[in-house]
Amino acid sequence: MALTRTAAGLFRRARQVIPGGVNSPVRAWKAVGGDEPFFAARGEGAYLVDAEGNRYVDWVQSWGPLVFGHADPEVVEAVQEAVADGTTFGAPTEREVELAEEIADAVPSVERVRLVSSGTEAAMSALRLARGVTRRDRILKFAGCYHGHSDPLLAEAGSGLATLAIPSTPGVPTGAAGDTVVSAFNDVDAAAAAVERYGEGLAAVVVEPVAGNMGVVPPAPGFLHALRALCDASGALLVFDEVITGFRVARGGAQELYGIRPDLTILGKIAGGGLPLAAFGGRAEIMDELAPAGPVYQAGTLSGNPLATAAALVVLRRLRDPAVYERLEEAGVSLENGLRGAAGDEHVCVQRVGAMATLFFHRGPVRSFAEASGSDTARYGAWFRHLLARGVYVAPSQFEALFPSTAHGEAEIETTVEAAREFFRG
């Protein structure tokens, strides 16, 4: 039987066997008024080609991990070489050691690293470790920050939950989130009040140092320093979720950029070189509480997968070159300025940190999830559809980011800005 190659046909088939027709909710394009998503067929540097043969300038880049663009030749070659030796072993490999060394060399606060397979797994494990080390239960998180879909962390999360306007989800036991305290991002006074009230039982404060799951929201001056001080005073561990910012805003992540050392760091996206891999790490005395060195249990059959570690090593070693970040910054600045200029007098704001940016349909500035939620999502949806029709693919949600890569050049930025200018001029 011949395959149905249209998006409508593929989506119809998908809905028969996959809940909602997608394997991650934001892919359904419900937030931007799409009838059905396209189905990706292949990627080429800054471009993505769908199953119908349409070619798009891709600013999603698989939601951030492709810092060198799609199908980077060096990454592809490394994976091809690795797969010839076997796809998985369930035993230690040399590449696992090399990757852990690479991460520890790059990220200022990391002395020991545990490799896992997804950002959700890394966040869940890091917070279990924090609870085990401190012998406390409560976690302080911030509204709009998304740390994966484990039960305790779905309280007032961003990303897909914000996109679909789901305040909470069925299936999470009442008690699972009972020890999760939620405060407003960038509000030092609110965080201090929460620590004052719950500090004796607070195991960790977990935060995206640059929010990326309510759209890109930078930390206010002094906010991260205040969290560090509050943790020091209360005995809680400071946990940075750098799944998005790690290796993207700087080689050492946001903690390098802002000069703050957390106790634990959660990594993913670029850390896997475009393959499923994530990690968490921190000070040796904390990480050595993990089994088998210590009593806090965590395990994973596919952790340190040889294909993922091969890809990750190629990417992270190339990121030692400062010229990579200079190029990413240039692309980010050019995109930011171009979109701001294209918008003219329309009430939008563009917020950027390094190679991640969001155009909010909001007068701005956007400093919190409450302010991000005030964006005109219907207008964003119209913008998304307009750009897509002109061969430009941006995130199918107001509450996500655009991710420049080294593959994006002047031509791709000009195409994007011109499409945006056409939209804003009506």
Protein backbone atom coordinates (compact mmCIF):
# COMPACT_ATOMS: atom_id res chain seq x y z
CA MET A 1 0.00 0.00 0.00
CA ALA A 2 1.38 3.41 -0.97
CA LEU A 3 2.15 5.82 1.83
CA THR A 4 0.00 8.93 2.20
CA ARG A 5 2.47 11.79 1.90
CA THR A 6 0.25 14.82 2.52
CA ALA A 7 0.26 16.38 5.97
CA ALA A 8 -3.49 15.87 6.22
CA GLY A 9 -3.19 12.22 5.31
CA LEU A 10 -0.30 11.56 7.66
CA PHE A 11 -2.04 13.37 10.50
CA ARG A 12 -5.22 11.39 9.91
CA ARG A 13 -3.27 8.15 10.13
CA ALA A 14 -1.33 9.38 13.16
CA ARG A 15 -4.49 10.16 15.11
CA GLN A 16 -5.58 6.55 14.69
CA VAL A 17 -2.53 5.22 16.56
CA ILE A 18 -0.98 8.14 18.50
CA PRO A 19 -2.92 10.20 21.10
CA GLY A 20 -3.71 13.52 19.43
CA GLY A 21 -1.62 12.44 16.46
CA VAL A 22 1.67 13.65 18.02
CA ASN A 23 4.25 12.41 20.50
CA SER A 24 4.65 15.77 22.25
CA PRO A 25 1.69 18.17 22.63
CA VAL A 26 3.12 21.39 21.19
CA ARG A 27 3.73 19.61 17.88
CA ALA A 28 -0.01 19.55 17.21
CA TRP A 29 -0.03 23.32 16.40
CA LYS A 30 -3.28 23.84 18.30
CA ALA A 31 -1.95 27.05 19.82
CA VAL A 32 -1.41 28.66 16.42
CA GLY A 33 -4.64 27.61 14.74
CA GLY A 34 -3.14 25.04 12.42
CA ASP A 35 -5.41 22.33 11.03
CA GLU A 36 -2.56 19.85 11.13
CA PRO A 37 1.22 20.06 11.57
CA PHE A 38 3.64 19.39 8.78
CA PHE A 39 5.62 16.18 8.98
CA ALA A 40 9.38 16.62 8.83
CA ALA A 41 11.27 14.56 6.26
CA ARG A 42 14.83 15.85 6.54
CA GLY A 43 16.93 18.79 7.65
CA GLU A 44 19.65 20.66 5.78
CA GLY A 45 21.62 23.15 7.88
CA ALA A 46 19.28 26.08 8.54
CA TYR A 47 16.46 24.46 6.59
CA LEU A 48 13.81 21.85 7.26
CA VAL A 49 12.02 19.94 4.49
CA ASP A 50 8.59 18.46 5.12
CA ALA A 51 7.07 15.25 3.78
CA GLU A 52 5.41 17.18 0.92
CA GLY A 53 8.74 18.63 -0.21
CA ASN A 54 8.23 22.16 1.16
CA ARG A 55 11.43 23.81 2.39
CA TYR A 56 11.50 26.20 5.36
CA VAL A 57 14.04 28.40 7.10
CA ASP A 58 13.97 26.63 10.45
CA TRP A 59 14.27 28.69 13.64
CA VAL A 60 13.07 25.85 15.88
CA GLN A 61 16.06 23.59 15.26
CA SER A 62 14.42 20.69 17.13
CA TRP A 63 13.72 23.10 20.02
CA GLY A 64 17.32 24.14 20.51
CA PRO A 65 19.87 21.34 20.35
CA LEU A 66 21.12 21.88 16.79
CA VAL A 67 23.66 24.62 17.36
CA PHE A 68 25.41 23.71 14.07
CA GLY A 69 22.17 23.16 12.16
CA HIS A 70 20.53 20.05 10.75
CA ALA A 71 22.57 17.06 9.57
CA ASP A 72 25.91 18.65 10.42
CA PRO A 73 28.47 16.58 8.49
CA GLU A 74 30.84 16.08 11.42
CA VAL A 75 28.03 14.91 13.69
CA VAL A 76 26.62 12.60 11.02
CA GLU A 77 30.05 11.07 10.43
CA ALA A 78 30.62 10.51 14.14
CA VAL A 79 27.26 8.78 14.56
CA GLN A 80 27.83 6.61 11.50
CA GLU A 81 31.18 5.49 12.86
CA ALA A 82 29.70 4.78 16.28
CA VAL A 83 26.70 2.80 15.03
CA ALA A 84 28.99 0.38 13.19
CA ASP A 85 30.30 -0.72 16.59
CA GLY A 86 26.85 -1.21 18.14
CA THR A 87 23.83 0.83 19.16
CA THR A 88 23.77 0.16 22.90
CA PHE A 89 25.73 -1.88 25.41
CA GLY A 90 24.33 -1.26 28.89
CA ALA A 91 27.95 -1.16 30.03
CA PRO A 92 30.47 1.66 30.54
CA THR A 93 32.18 3.10 27.46
CA GLU A 94 35.15 5.38 26.94
CA ARG A 95 32.97 8.02 25.33
CA GLU A 96 30.90 8.36 28.52
CA VAL A 97 34.06 9.27 30.42
CA GLU A 98 35.20 11.68 27.74
CA LEU A 99 31.81 13.40 27.64
CA ALA A 100 31.66 13.75 31.41
CA GLU A 101 35.14 15.29 31.31
CA GLU A 102 34.06 17.68 28.57
CA ILE A 103 31.00 18.82 30.52
CA ALA A 104 32.97 19.27 33.74
CA ASP A 105 35.57 21.31 31.88
CA ALA A 106 32.94 23.59 30.36
CA VAL A 107 30.39 24.18 33.14
CA PRO A 108 31.84 26.14 36.09
CA SER A 109 29.92 24.44 38.92
CA VAL A 110 30.17 20.84 37.72
CA GLU A 111 32.71 18.43 39.18
CA ARG A 112 30.80 15.17 38.72
CA VAL A 113 28.27 14.28 36.01
CA ARG A 114 25.57 11.64 35.62
CA LEU A 115 24.36 11.02 32.05
CA VAL A 116 20.69 10.26 31.39
CA SER A 117 18.41 10.21 28.36
CA SER A 118 16.07 13.21 28.65
CA GLY A 119 15.72 16.59 30.32
CA THR A 120 12.72 15.36 32.31
CA GLU A 121 14.79 12.48 33.65
CA ALA A 122 17.68 14.80 34.52
CA ALA A 123 15.43 17.25 36.39
CA MET A 124 13.59 14.50 38.26
CA SER A 125 16.88 12.88 39.29
CA ALA A 126 18.56 16.12 40.30
CA LEU A 127 15.70 17.01 42.62
CA ARG A 128 15.63 13.53 44.11
CA LEU A 129 19.32 13.96 44.82
CA ALA A 130 18.72 17.38 46.38
CA ARG A 131 16.09 15.88 48.68
CA GLY A 132 18.34 12.98 49.54
CA VAL A 133 21.30 15.20 50.37
CA THR A 134 19.38 17.76 52.44
CA ARG A 135 16.93 15.26 54.01
CA ARG A 136 14.20 17.78 53.17
CA ASP A 137 11.13 17.53 50.95
CA ARG A 138 10.04 20.90 49.62
CA ILE A 139 11.04 22.39 46.27
CA LEU A 140 10.68 26.06 45.30
CA LYS A 141 10.10 26.64 41.58
CA PHE A 142 8.94 29.61 39.53
CA ALA A 143 5.74 30.07 37.58
CA GLY A 144 6.26 29.56 33.87
CA CYS A 145 9.52 27.64 34.25
CA TYR A 146 9.25 24.13 32.85
CA HIS A 147 11.44 21.35 34.21
CA GLY A 148 9.97 18.35 32.45
CA HIS A 149 6.77 16.48 33.13
CA SER A 150 7.51 14.65 36.38
CA ASP A 151 4.62 14.97 38.82
CA PRO A 152 6.05 17.47 41.36
CA LEU A 153 7.17 19.92 38.69
CA LEU A 154 3.96 20.39 36.74
CA ALA A 155 2.67 23.07 39.08
CA GLU A 156 2.34 26.30 37.05
CA ALA A 157 4.75 25.11 34.38
CA GLY A 158 5.33 26.86 31.08
CA SER A 159 6.03 25.39 27.64
CA GLY A 160 3.31 23.00 26.48
CA LEU A 161 1.14 23.60 29.51
CA ALA A 162 1.18 27.33 28.91
CA THR A 163 0.56 26.78 25.22
CA LEU A 164 -2.50 24.63 25.85
CA ALA A 165 -3.69 26.75 28.79
CA ILE A 166 -3.80 23.74 31.13
CA PRO A 167 -3.33 24.96 34.72
CA SER A 168 -2.71 21.44 36.00
CA THR A 169 -3.03 17.92 34.67
CA PRO A 170 -5.13 14.94 35.67
CA GLY A 171 -3.09 11.96 36.75
CA VAL A 172 -0.87 13.86 39.16
CA PRO A 173 -1.71 12.82 42.74
CA THR A 174 -2.62 15.69 45.03
CA GLY A 175 0.26 14.83 47.33
CA ALA A 176 2.85 14.78 44.54
CA ALA A 177 2.79 18.55 44.17
CA GLY A 178 2.07 19.19 47.82
CA ASP A 179 5.72 19.92 48.55
CA THR A 180 6.16 22.17 45.52
CA VAL A 181 6.15 25.88 46.30
CA VAL A 182 5.61 28.25 43.36
CA SER A 183 6.83 31.83 43.24
CA ALA A 184 6.94 34.51 40.54
CA PHE A 185 9.98 34.60 38.28
CA ASN A 186 12.13 37.70 38.76
CA ASP A 187 10.39 38.62 42.03
CA VAL A 188 13.07 38.62 44.73
CA ASP A 189 10.68 39.67 47.49
CA ALA A 190 8.29 36.81 46.72
CA ALA A 191 11.14 34.30 46.65
CA ALA A 192 12.49 35.63 49.95
CA ALA A 193 9.04 35.36 51.52
CA ALA A 194 8.72 31.77 50.34
CA VAL A 195 12.13 30.87 51.73
CA GLU A 196 11.32 32.58 55.02
CA ARG A 197 8.11 30.58 55.32
CA TYR A 198 9.33 27.19 54.08
CA GLY A 199 13.10 27.45 54.44
CA GLU A 200 13.61 24.85 57.15
CA GLY A 201 12.01 22.20 54.95
CA LEU A 202 13.31 23.47 51.61
CA ALA A 203 15.52 21.01 49.74
CA ALA A 204 16.09 23.06 46.61
CA VAL A 205 15.30 26.15 44.60
CA VAL A 206 15.09 25.18 40.93
CA VAL A 207 15.06 27.80 38.20
CA GLU A 208 15.72 28.33 34.52
CA PRO A 209 18.41 31.03 34.83
CA VAL A 210 17.07 32.44 31.57
CA ALA A 211 13.46 31.41 31.20
CA GLY A 212 12.86 29.70 27.88
CA ASN A 213 9.51 28.01 28.39
CA MET A 214 7.38 31.13 28.78
CA GLY A 215 9.26 32.64 25.88
CA VAL A 216 12.70 34.12 26.49
CA VAL A 217 12.66 36.08 29.75
CA PRO A 218 16.08 37.16 31.06
CA PRO A 219 16.76 37.29 34.78
CA ALA A 220 16.31 40.73 36.31
CA PRO A 221 19.51 42.27 37.65
CA GLY A 222 20.27 40.69 41.02
CA PHE A 223 17.62 37.97 40.80
CA LEU A 224 19.97 35.01 40.43
CA HIS A 225 22.38 36.44 43.00
CA ALA A 226 19.48 36.75 45.42
CA LEU A 227 18.52 33.11 44.90
CA ARG A 228 22.10 32.08 45.60
CA ALA A 229 22.07 34.08 48.84
CA LEU A 230 18.68 32.69 49.89
CA CYS A 231 19.87 29.13 49.38
CA ASP A 232 23.07 29.80 51.31
CA ALA A 233 21.07 31.21 54.20
CA SER A 234 18.47 28.43 54.29
CA GLY A 235 20.58 25.39 53.50
CA ALA A 236 18.63 24.62 50.33
CA LEU A 237 20.47 23.68 47.15
CA LEU A 238 20.34 26.00 44.16
CA VAL A 239 19.52 24.05 40.99
CA PHE A 240 19.90 25.64 37.57
CA ASP A 241 17.88 24.06 34.79
CA GLU A 242 20.16 24.75 31.84
CA VAL A 243 18.54 22.29 29.46
CA ILE A 244 18.04 25.17 27.02
CA THR A 245 20.72 27.66 28.08
CA GLY A 246 23.50 25.12 28.59
CA PHE A 247 26.14 25.49 25.83
CA ARG A 248 23.84 27.93 24.01
CA VAL A 249 24.17 31.29 25.75
CA ALA A 250 27.81 30.50 26.55
CA ARG A 251 29.98 27.39 26.65
CA GLY A 252 29.52 27.30 30.40
CA GLY A 253 25.84 28.17 30.13
CA ALA A 254 23.98 30.93 31.94
CA GLN A 255 26.01 30.36 35.09
CA GLU A 256 29.11 31.45 33.18
CA LEU A 257 27.26 34.37 31.60
CA TYR A 258 25.91 35.71 34.92
CA GLY A 259 28.68 34.58 37.24
CA ILE A 260 26.54 32.42 39.55
CA ARG A 261 27.47 28.91 40.67
CA PRO A 262 24.53 26.65 41.44
CA ASP A 263 24.88 23.50 43.50
CA LEU A 264 23.38 21.30 40.77
CA THR A 265 22.95 21.85 37.05
CA ILE A 266 20.51 20.16 34.67
CA LEU A 267 21.67 19.87 31.06
CA GLY A 268 20.17 18.62 27.78
CA LYS A 269 19.53 19.81 24.21
CA ILE A 270 23.00 20.76 22.91
CA ALA A 271 24.59 18.46 25.49
CA GLY A 272 23.35 15.54 23.38
CA GLY A 273 24.55 16.87 20.05
CA GLY A 274 21.07 16.45 18.59
CA LEU A 275 20.51 12.92 19.92
CA PRO A 276 18.54 11.90 23.04
CA LEU A 277 20.90 12.62 25.93
CA ALA A 278 20.81 14.80 29.02
CA ALA A 279 22.83 15.11 32.20
CA PHE A 280 22.93 16.55 35.67
CA GLY A 281 25.99 17.45 37.66
CA GLY A 282 27.40 19.47 40.51
CA ARG A 283 29.85 19.48 43.36
CA ALA A 284 31.58 16.18 44.05
CA GLU A 285 30.29 15.82 47.61
CA ILE A 286 26.71 16.18 46.38
CA MET A 287 26.98 13.96 43.32
CA ASP A 288 28.76 11.24 45.29
CA GLU A 289 25.51 10.68 47.18
CA LEU A 290 24.20 8.95 44.03
CA ALA A 291 24.23 5.16 43.82
CA PRO A 292 26.47 3.23 43.65
CA ALA A 293 28.73 5.69 45.50
CA GLY A 294 25.93 6.76 47.85
CA PRO A 295 22.39 5.92 48.93
CA VAL A 296 20.30 8.00 46.46
CA TYR A 297 19.15 5.66 43.71
CA GLN A 298 19.09 6.58 40.01
CA ALA A 299 19.59 4.33 37.00
CA GLY A 300 19.01 4.05 33.25
CA THR A 301 19.62 1.24 30.78
CA LEU A 302 20.29 3.59 27.86
CA SER A 303 22.15 6.26 29.82
CA GLY A 304 25.35 7.24 28.04
CA ASN A 305 24.15 5.72 24.77
CA PRO A 306 27.16 5.34 22.42
CA LEU A 307 25.49 7.10 19.49
CA ALA A 308 24.44 10.06 21.62
CA THR A 309 27.82 10.40 23.29
CA ALA A 310 29.56 10.29 19.91
CA ALA A 311 27.40 13.16 18.63
CA ALA A 312 27.74 15.11 21.86
CA LEU A 313 31.53 14.91 21.88
CA VAL A 314 31.79 16.31 18.37
CA VAL A 315 29.55 19.25 19.24
CA LEU A 316 30.96 20.09 22.66
CA ARG A 317 34.56 19.94 21.47
CA ARG A 318 33.79 22.36 18.65
CA LEU A 319 32.22 24.71 21.18
CA ARG A 320 35.65 25.27 22.73
CA ASP A 321 36.25 27.74 19.89
CA PRO A 322 35.08 31.24 20.97
CA ALA A 323 34.41 32.04 17.31
CA VAL A 324 31.33 29.79 17.44
CA TYR A 325 29.73 32.01 20.08
CA GLU A 326 30.74 35.15 18.22
CA ARG A 327 28.91 33.83 15.18
CA LEU A 328 25.85 32.83 17.21
CA GLU A 329 25.75 36.27 18.83
CA GLU A 330 26.00 37.98 15.46
CA ALA A 331 23.12 35.93 14.11
CA GLY A 332 21.07 36.60 17.26
CA VAL A 333 21.66 40.35 17.13
CA SER A 334 20.84 40.53 13.43
CA LEU A 335 17.63 38.54 13.89
CA GLU A 336 16.59 40.59 16.92
CA ASN A 337 17.19 43.93 15.21
CA GLY A 338 15.54 42.78 12.02
CA LEU A 339 12.37 41.59 13.71
CA ARG A 340 12.16 44.71 15.85
CA GLY A 341 12.52 46.89 12.80
CA ALA A 342 9.97 44.85 10.85
CA ALA A 343 7.37 45.28 13.59
CA GLY A 344 7.43 49.06 13.28
CA ASP A 345 4.87 50.63 15.59
CA GLU A 346 3.07 47.41 16.48
CA HIS A 347 2.97 46.63 20.19
CA VAL A 348 5.46 43.78 20.30
CA CYS A 349 8.77 43.24 22.00
CA VAL A 350 11.73 41.07 21.08
CA GLN A 351 13.68 39.58 23.98
CA ARG A 352 16.96 37.78 23.44
CA VAL A 353 19.84 36.26 25.37
CA GLY A 354 22.59 34.95 23.14
CA ALA A 355 21.28 32.50 20.57
CA MET A 356 17.71 32.32 21.87
CA ALA A 357 14.99 34.90 21.29
CA THR A 358 11.23 35.43 21.39
CA LEU A 359 9.00 37.97 19.67
CA PHE A 360 6.19 38.60 22.15
CA PHE A 361 2.93 40.06 20.93
CA HIS A 362 3.00 42.18 24.05
CA ARG A 363 4.08 45.77 24.60
CA GLY A 364 6.75 44.49 26.98
CA PRO A 365 9.09 44.17 28.59
CA VAL A 366 8.06 40.67 29.67
CA ARG A 367 9.53 39.84 33.07
CA SER A 368 7.32 37.03 34.37
CA PHE A 369 4.88 34.31 33.39
CA ALA A 370 1.96 36.59 34.30
CA GLU A 371 3.21 39.19 31.84
CA ALA A 372 4.00 36.59 29.15
CA SER A 373 0.45 35.27 29.55
CA GLY A 374 -0.83 38.72 28.59
CA SER A 375 0.50 38.29 25.06
CA ASP A 376 -1.89 38.30 22.12
CA THR A 377 -1.66 34.60 21.25
CA ALA A 378 -4.21 34.88 18.43
CA ARG A 379 -2.03 37.50 16.75
CA TYR A 380 1.01 35.28 17.26
CA GLY A 381 -0.86 32.42 15.59
CA ALA A 382 -1.58 34.61 12.58
CA TRP A 383 2.10 35.59 12.43
CA PHE A 384 3.15 31.94 12.60
CA ARG A 385 0.84 30.98 9.73
CA HIS A 386 1.94 33.95 7.61
CA LEU A 387 5.62 33.11 8.02
CA LEU A 388 5.03 29.42 7.36
CA ALA A 389 3.27 30.22 4.08
CA ARG A 390 6.38 32.15 3.06
CA GLY A 391 8.81 29.39 3.93
CA VAL A 392 9.79 30.37 7.46
CA TYR A 393 9.19 28.04 10.40
CA VAL A 394 9.09 29.56 13.89
CA ALA A 395 7.91 27.92 17.10
CA PRO A 396 4.21 26.96 16.98
CA SER A 397 3.67 28.67 20.34
CA GLN A 398 4.07 32.18 21.73
CA PHE A 399 5.75 30.67 24.78
CA GLU A 400 8.82 29.26 23.05
CA ALA A 401 12.03 30.55 21.49
CA LEU A 402 13.72 31.03 18.15
CA PHE A 403 17.10 29.32 18.05
CA PRO A 404 19.77 30.71 15.72
CA SER A 405 22.47 28.25 14.69
CA THR A 406 25.79 28.72 12.96
CA ALA A 407 24.03 27.55 9.79
CA HIS A 408 21.81 30.65 9.75
CA GLY A 409 23.33 33.38 7.65
CA GLU A 410 22.32 36.71 6.16
CA ALA A 411 20.08 35.12 3.53
CA GLU A 412 18.00 33.24 6.09
CA ILE A 413 17.68 36.29 8.33
CA GLU A 414 16.69 38.51 5.39
CA THR A 415 14.04 35.99 4.30
CA THR A 416 12.62 35.90 7.81
CA VAL A 417 12.66 39.65 8.36
CA GLU A 418 11.05 40.36 4.99
CA ALA A 419 8.25 37.88 5.73
CA ALA A 420 7.74 39.50 9.13
CA ARG A 421 7.73 42.99 7.63
CA GLU A 422 5.07 41.96 5.13
CA PHE A 423 2.90 40.66 7.99
CA PHE A 424 3.21 43.79 10.11
CA ARG A 425 2.53 46.09 7.17
CA GLY A 426 -0.66 44.18 6.48
